């Protein structure tokens, strides 16, 4: 039975170096302060740190498909894939669409093993979530296996909590409505709703119990409700890892309560949502393997401090001491394993 290892990671400000020749001019102006001192050596080290984590996924074989957010453009992904190809022996390809509306120009994307999947460009959509102070997006793509099974993935990066969680909640509610709407559309347009395999992954900037996920995106912790549903409802696997165990960089065991930490508090913003056909298999092409949804880590990326989770890499902002060359990202990746259901 074939297995499919899928994940998502907010890779924290994966920008090209300060003199990145492909940088969009308005991004260069907006990000000039943050990227001052972001040298080629720092950028290379950032890529190496990301590669060190991604290549260890899937028992050291690398992921089959990985969604990402906070990437500047396709060019930085191509640089990352040079390292990943060397470390995993896989040949990855990219699904990417420029977000020309976000204030920092950061994008969502997928990388995938092109020997296992193909992506028809006509199945790639960029759904924008508009707000006055910027835009985030949801990137949708359909991954087809060699035997014709299709898996629809949506990489989410929802509006941040800047300005306060309550004041910005409406923007994430809109993002949730956007995701819920497209989930419904996917089901409506499917030839067979019972074979409509959909995974929504991402940094939602809300916890699984927040209204944007529960009501607007129509996701729940009640698996039975999803299995009985005739509407577009998601099962939210992140309820299964609200707390989890990791070994930190000093070799000590830690209990964590978040996929990222802010002001000393953990939040489970990085989540995996699955459509009904993926829970029980049935006539669907893919089924989620029970117990496989979880954060992913290597010990060197886990802080020993109780008020922190992943060890950040950072940006220089004109001061090289603000960059931790032994860091990775301010988020942990999350992963899930699928098996062929037929």
Protein backbone atom coordinates (compact mmCIF):
# COMPACT_ATOMS: atom_id res chain seq x y z
CA UNK A 1 0.00 0.00 0.00
CA UNK A 2 1.54 3.28 -1.11
CA UNK A 3 2.11 5.97 1.49
CA UNK A 4 2.17 9.74 1.04
CA UNK A 5 3.98 11.98 3.52
CA UNK A 6 2.54 15.52 3.48
CA UNK A 7 3.51 18.50 5.62
CA UNK A 8 3.41 22.25 6.05
CA UNK A 9 5.94 24.72 7.45
CA UNK A 10 5.99 28.47 7.99
CA UNK A 11 9.68 28.91 7.24
CA UNK A 12 9.89 32.42 8.74
CA UNK A 13 11.00 35.15 6.35
CA UNK A 14 12.72 33.14 3.64
CA UNK A 15 13.92 36.16 1.70
CA UNK A 16 16.74 36.23 -0.80
CA UNK A 17 19.89 38.11 0.26
CA UNK A 18 20.00 41.88 0.54
CA UNK A 19 21.08 42.28 -3.10
CA UNK A 20 18.62 39.64 -4.44
CA UNK A 21 18.44 40.62 -8.15
CA UNK A 22 14.93 39.23 -8.68
CA UNK A 23 13.38 41.24 -5.84
CA UNK A 24 10.23 43.14 -6.80
CA UNK A 25 11.03 46.87 -6.49
CA UNK A 26 8.22 47.71 -4.08
CA UNK A 27 9.22 44.76 -1.86
CA UNK A 28 12.79 46.04 -1.91
CA UNK A 29 11.58 49.42 -0.65
CA UNK A 30 9.25 47.99 1.97
CA UNK A 31 11.73 45.44 3.34
CA UNK A 32 14.90 47.53 3.08
CA UNK A 33 15.18 48.03 6.84
CA UNK A 34 14.56 44.38 7.77
CA UNK A 35 16.96 43.05 5.12
CA UNK A 36 19.84 45.44 5.79
CA UNK A 37 22.79 43.17 6.54
CA UNK A 38 21.05 40.03 5.19
CA UNK A 39 24.19 38.72 3.51
CA UNK A 40 24.61 35.90 1.04
CA UNK A 41 26.26 33.88 3.82
CA UNK A 42 23.30 34.39 6.17
CA UNK A 43 20.86 33.47 3.41
CA UNK A 44 22.84 30.33 2.60
CA UNK A 45 22.89 29.36 6.26
CA UNK A 46 19.13 29.85 6.48
CA UNK A 47 18.64 27.49 3.53
CA UNK A 48 20.96 24.92 5.11
CA UNK A 49 19.00 25.03 8.37
CA UNK A 50 15.71 24.52 6.54
CA UNK A 51 17.21 21.66 4.55
CA UNK A 52 18.44 20.03 7.77
CA UNK A 53 14.86 19.78 9.02
CA UNK A 54 12.98 19.03 5.79
CA UNK A 55 15.39 16.29 4.72
CA UNK A 56 14.80 14.45 8.02
CA UNK A 57 11.05 14.23 7.48
CA UNK A 58 9.54 10.91 6.43
CA UNK A 59 12.20 8.81 8.17
CA UNK A 60 15.00 10.74 6.51
CA UNK A 61 13.56 10.46 3.00
CA UNK A 62 12.14 13.98 2.82
CA UNK A 63 8.44 14.80 2.36
CA UNK A 64 6.45 13.75 -0.67
CA UNK A 65 4.63 17.11 -0.62
CA UNK A 66 5.40 20.10 1.60
CA UNK A 67 3.39 23.31 1.79
CA UNK A 68 5.21 26.44 2.91
CA UNK A 69 4.54 30.07 3.68
CA UNK A 70 6.67 33.18 4.19
CA UNK A 71 8.73 32.55 1.07
CA UNK A 72 9.71 35.58 -0.98
CA UNK A 73 9.50 34.11 -4.49
CA UNK A 74 10.11 31.09 -6.67
CA UNK A 75 13.85 31.80 -6.84
CA UNK A 76 14.45 31.16 -3.13
CA UNK A 77 12.55 27.89 -3.45
CA UNK A 78 14.77 26.87 -6.36
CA UNK A 79 17.83 27.53 -4.18
CA UNK A 80 16.34 25.41 -1.40
CA UNK A 81 15.60 22.55 -3.80
CA UNK A 82 19.26 22.38 -4.84
CA UNK A 83 20.09 21.45 -1.25
CA UNK A 84 17.10 19.15 -0.82
CA UNK A 85 17.88 17.21 -3.98
CA UNK A 86 21.40 16.59 -2.70
CA UNK A 87 20.30 15.58 0.80
CA UNK A 88 17.30 13.42 -0.16
CA UNK A 89 18.10 12.19 -3.66
CA UNK A 90 14.62 13.32 -4.73
CA UNK A 91 13.71 15.57 -7.63
CA UNK A 92 11.27 18.18 -6.38
CA UNK A 93 9.17 20.63 -8.35
CA UNK A 94 7.40 23.81 -7.24
CA UNK A 95 3.85 25.13 -7.16
CA UNK A 96 3.98 28.86 -6.49
CA UNK A 97 2.02 32.01 -7.22
CA UNK A 98 3.25 35.51 -6.42
CA UNK A 99 1.22 37.38 -3.81
CA UNK A 100 1.62 40.92 -5.09
CA UNK A 101 -0.77 42.32 -2.47
CA UNK A 102 0.89 41.35 0.81
CA UNK A 103 2.74 44.23 2.45
CA UNK A 104 5.96 42.19 2.60
CA UNK A 105 5.45 40.26 -0.62
CA UNK A 106 5.55 36.86 1.09
CA UNK A 107 3.98 33.87 -0.63
CA UNK A 108 2.59 30.39 -0.05
CA UNK A 109 3.92 27.47 -2.08
CA UNK A 110 4.26 23.72 -2.40
CA UNK A 111 7.22 21.54 -3.25
CA UNK A 112 6.51 18.01 -4.39
CA UNK A 113 8.26 14.90 -5.67
CA UNK A 114 7.65 15.10 -9.39
CA UNK A 115 8.41 11.40 -9.84
CA UNK A 116 5.32 10.61 -7.73
CA UNK A 117 2.90 13.41 -8.66
CA UNK A 118 2.01 15.77 -11.44
CA UNK A 119 0.25 19.13 -11.22
CA UNK A 120 -1.81 20.53 -14.08
CA UNK A 121 -1.28 24.33 -14.00
CA UNK A 122 -4.99 24.80 -14.69
CA UNK A 123 -5.73 23.35 -11.22
CA UNK A 124 -3.64 25.99 -9.42
CA UNK A 125 -5.59 28.87 -7.86
CA UNK A 126 -4.57 31.76 -5.60
CA UNK A 127 -7.44 32.85 -3.33
CA UNK A 128 -6.74 36.26 -1.79
CA UNK A 129 -8.00 37.43 1.60
CA UNK A 130 -8.23 41.21 1.46
CA UNK A 131 -7.66 43.58 4.37
CA UNK A 132 -6.85 47.28 4.49
CA UNK A 133 -3.32 46.76 5.76
CA UNK A 134 -2.33 43.88 3.48
CA UNK A 135 -3.39 40.58 2.04
CA UNK A 136 -2.68 36.95 2.73
CA UNK A 137 -3.57 34.07 0.45
CA UNK A 138 -4.70 30.47 0.10
CA UNK A 139 -2.91 28.53 -2.63
CA UNK A 140 -4.86 25.59 -4.09
CA UNK A 141 -3.39 22.84 -6.26
CA UNK A 142 -4.40 19.34 -7.37
CA UNK A 143 -1.73 16.63 -7.15
CA UNK A 144 -2.31 13.59 -9.37
CA UNK A 145 -0.63 10.22 -8.89
CA UNK A 146 0.48 8.03 -11.75
CA UNK A 147 -2.68 5.92 -11.47
CA UNK A 148 -4.94 8.96 -11.69
CA UNK A 149 -5.84 9.54 -8.04
CA UNK A 150 -6.20 13.23 -7.18
CA UNK A 151 -5.39 15.04 -3.93
CA UNK A 152 -6.43 18.68 -3.56
CA UNK A 153 -4.28 20.70 -1.18
CA UNK A 154 -4.82 24.25 0.07
CA UNK A 155 -1.83 26.05 1.63
CA UNK A 156 -3.11 28.72 4.01
CA UNK A 157 -1.45 31.78 5.50
CA UNK A 158 -4.15 33.75 7.24
CA UNK A 159 -3.97 37.42 8.31
CA UNK A 160 -1.80 38.05 11.35
CA UNK A 161 -2.86 39.22 14.79
CA UNK A 162 -1.11 42.56 14.38
CA UNK A 163 -3.15 45.21 16.16
CA UNK A 164 -4.46 42.62 18.61
CA UNK A 165 -6.22 39.27 18.34
CA UNK A 166 -9.71 40.70 18.81
CA UNK A 167 -9.32 43.71 16.52
CA UNK A 168 -7.91 41.55 13.72
CA UNK A 169 -10.27 38.59 14.22
CA UNK A 170 -12.59 39.73 11.44
CA UNK A 171 -9.84 39.32 8.85
CA UNK A 172 -9.28 35.69 9.86
CA UNK A 173 -13.04 35.14 9.86
CA UNK A 174 -12.99 36.28 6.24
CA UNK A 175 -10.13 33.89 5.54
CA UNK A 176 -12.14 31.10 7.14
CA UNK A 177 -15.14 31.95 4.98
CA UNK A 178 -12.89 31.93 1.93
CA UNK A 179 -11.57 28.46 2.78
CA UNK A 180 -15.05 27.16 3.61
CA UNK A 181 -16.43 28.55 0.35
CA UNK A 182 -13.76 26.92 -1.79
CA UNK A 183 -14.16 23.63 0.04
CA UNK A 184 -17.87 23.75 -0.87
CA UNK A 185 -17.05 24.63 -4.48
CA UNK A 186 -14.60 21.75 -4.76
CA UNK A 187 -17.28 19.33 -3.58
CA UNK A 188 -19.90 20.81 -5.90
CA UNK A 189 -17.65 20.53 -8.92
CA UNK A 190 -16.33 17.04 -8.11
CA UNK A 191 -17.50 14.20 -10.33
CA UNK A 192 -17.94 12.12 -7.17
CA UNK A 193 -18.19 13.89 -3.80
CA UNK A 194 -17.16 10.67 -2.04
CA UNK A 195 -13.80 10.83 -3.81
CA UNK A 196 -13.16 14.51 -3.11
CA UNK A 197 -9.91 14.30 -1.12
CA UNK A 198 -9.08 17.72 0.31
CA UNK A 199 -6.42 18.74 2.83
CA UNK A 200 -6.19 22.32 4.08
CA UNK A 201 -2.85 23.00 5.77
CA UNK A 202 -1.25 26.15 7.01
CA UNK A 203 -0.48 28.86 9.50
CA UNK A 204 -3.98 30.02 10.39
CA UNK A 205 -2.89 32.59 13.00
CA UNK A 206 -5.76 31.30 15.14
CA UNK A 207 -6.09 28.27 17.39
CA UNK A 208 -8.35 25.35 16.41
CA UNK A 209 -10.95 26.43 18.98
CA UNK A 210 -11.23 29.98 17.60
CA UNK A 211 -14.41 30.94 15.68
CA UNK A 212 -12.60 31.42 12.38
CA UNK A 213 -11.72 27.71 12.30
CA UNK A 214 -14.82 26.31 13.99
CA UNK A 215 -17.55 28.35 12.36
CA UNK A 216 -16.19 30.16 9.32
CA UNK A 217 -13.99 27.36 7.94
CA UNK A 218 -16.48 24.75 9.25
CA UNK A 219 -13.89 22.55 10.99
CA UNK A 220 -14.40 20.51 14.13
CA UNK A 221 -12.76 18.18 16.63
CA UNK A 222 -15.73 15.79 16.39
CA UNK A 223 -14.62 13.21 13.87
CA UNK A 224 -17.99 11.50 13.88
CA UNK A 225 -19.72 14.74 12.91
CA UNK A 226 -17.49 14.98 9.84
CA UNK A 227 -17.95 11.31 8.91
CA UNK A 228 -21.74 11.77 8.97
CA UNK A 229 -21.75 15.21 7.31
CA UNK A 230 -23.27 15.71 3.89
CA UNK A 231 -21.90 19.28 3.71
CA UNK A 232 -18.36 20.61 3.29
CA UNK A 233 -17.03 20.04 6.80
CA UNK A 234 -13.40 19.52 7.85
CA UNK A 235 -11.98 17.36 10.62
CA UNK A 236 -9.25 19.40 12.33
CA UNK A 237 -6.38 17.11 13.24
CA UNK A 238 -4.64 19.78 15.34
CA UNK A 239 -6.95 18.89 18.24
CA UNK A 240 -4.83 15.74 18.47
CA UNK A 241 -1.62 17.67 19.20
CA UNK A 242 -2.65 20.52 21.49
CA UNK A 243 0.10 19.20 23.77
CA UNK A 244 2.98 17.06 22.59
CA UNK A 245 6.41 15.78 23.56
CA UNK A 246 9.75 16.79 22.10
CA UNK A 247 13.41 16.50 22.95
CA UNK A 248 15.18 19.86 23.12
CA UNK A 249 18.61 20.83 21.86
CA UNK A 250 20.14 19.92 25.22
CA UNK A 251 18.74 16.40 25.03
CA UNK A 252 16.02 16.95 27.63
CA UNK A 253 12.38 15.95 27.18
CA UNK A 254 9.87 18.79 26.97
CA UNK A 255 6.12 18.99 26.88
CA UNK A 256 5.02 21.65 24.41
CA UNK A 257 1.63 23.26 24.01
CA UNK A 258 2.08 25.05 20.72
CA UNK A 259 3.52 24.98 17.22
CA UNK A 260 4.87 28.46 17.92
CA UNK A 261 5.36 30.63 21.00
CA UNK A 262 4.69 34.35 21.38
CA UNK A 263 5.26 36.37 24.56
CA UNK A 264 5.88 33.14 26.43
CA UNK A 265 2.62 31.48 25.39
CA UNK A 266 2.15 28.56 23.04
CA UNK A 267 -0.39 28.60 20.21
CA UNK A 268 -1.39 25.84 17.81
CA UNK A 269 -1.64 28.01 14.71
CA UNK A 270 -0.22 25.35 12.37
CA UNK A 271 -3.01 22.94 11.53
CA UNK A 272 -4.14 20.19 9.17
CA UNK A 273 -7.80 19.92 8.13
CA UNK A 274 -9.18 16.95 6.18
CA UNK A 275 -12.38 16.40 4.20
CA UNK A 276 -14.76 13.56 5.06
CA UNK A 277 -13.71 11.08 2.34
CA UNK A 278 -10.16 11.06 3.73
CA UNK A 279 -11.25 9.86 7.17
CA UNK A 280 -12.84 6.52 6.32
CA UNK A 281 -11.36 5.91 2.90
CA UNK A 282 -14.38 4.33 1.26
CA UNK A 283 -14.32 5.11 -2.42
CA UNK A 284 -11.75 7.88 -1.93
CA UNK A 285 -8.26 7.58 -3.32
CA UNK A 286 -6.50 8.52 -0.07
CA UNK A 287 -7.05 7.84 3.61
CA UNK A 288 -5.36 9.49 6.59
CA UNK A 289 -3.27 7.05 8.59
CA UNK A 290 -4.47 7.33 12.18
CA UNK A 291 -2.09 8.91 14.68
CA UNK A 292 0.23 10.43 12.09
CA UNK A 293 -0.84 14.09 12.35
CA UNK A 294 1.69 15.88 14.56
CA UNK A 295 4.33 18.59 14.74
CA UNK A 296 7.72 17.59 13.38
CA UNK A 297 11.04 18.50 14.98
CA UNK A 298 14.70 17.66 15.23
CA UNK A 299 16.15 18.26 18.70
CA UNK A 300 18.52 21.04 17.60
CA UNK A 301 15.53 23.24 16.67
CA UNK A 302 13.77 22.93 20.06
CA UNK A 303 14.56 25.55 22.72
CA UNK A 304 15.15 24.40 26.29
CA UNK A 305 13.30 27.44 27.64
CA UNK A 306 9.75 26.85 28.86
CA UNK A 307 8.65 30.18 27.36
CA UNK A 308 9.90 29.23 23.88
CA UNK A 309 9.29 26.49 21.35
CA UNK A 310 11.21 26.49 18.07
CA UNK A 311 14.51 28.36 17.87
CA UNK A 312 14.15 31.32 15.51
CA UNK A 313 16.61 32.34 12.83
CA UNK A 314 15.48 35.96 12.51
CA UNK A 315 16.37 38.86 10.22
CA UNK A 316 19.22 41.32 10.84
CA UNK A 317 17.39 44.65 10.52
CA UNK A 318 20.81 46.27 10.36
CA UNK A 319 22.15 44.35 13.36
CA UNK A 320 23.76 40.96 12.71
CA UNK A 321 23.32 39.96 16.37
CA UNK A 322 19.58 39.68 15.72
CA UNK A 323 20.23 36.64 13.53
CA UNK A 324 20.74 33.28 15.22
CA UNK A 325 22.75 31.19 12.76
CA UNK A 326 21.82 28.09 14.77
CA UNK A 327 18.11 28.89 14.50
CA UNK A 328 15.50 27.65 12.05
CA UNK A 329 12.03 29.26 12.15
CA UNK A 330 9.55 30.59 14.69
CA UNK A 331 7.16 27.74 13.77
CA UNK A 332 7.38 23.97 13.95
CA UNK A 333 6.34 22.07 10.82
CA UNK A 334 3.25 19.88 10.99
CA UNK A 335 2.97 16.60 9.09
CA UNK A 336 0.50 13.85 8.25
CA UNK A 337 0.70 10.52 6.45
CA UNK A 338 -1.80 9.26 3.89
CA UNK A 339 -2.26 5.79 2.47
CA UNK A 340 -3.97 4.63 -0.69
CA UNK A 341 -7.55 3.74 0.18
CA UNK A 342 -8.22 1.60 -2.88
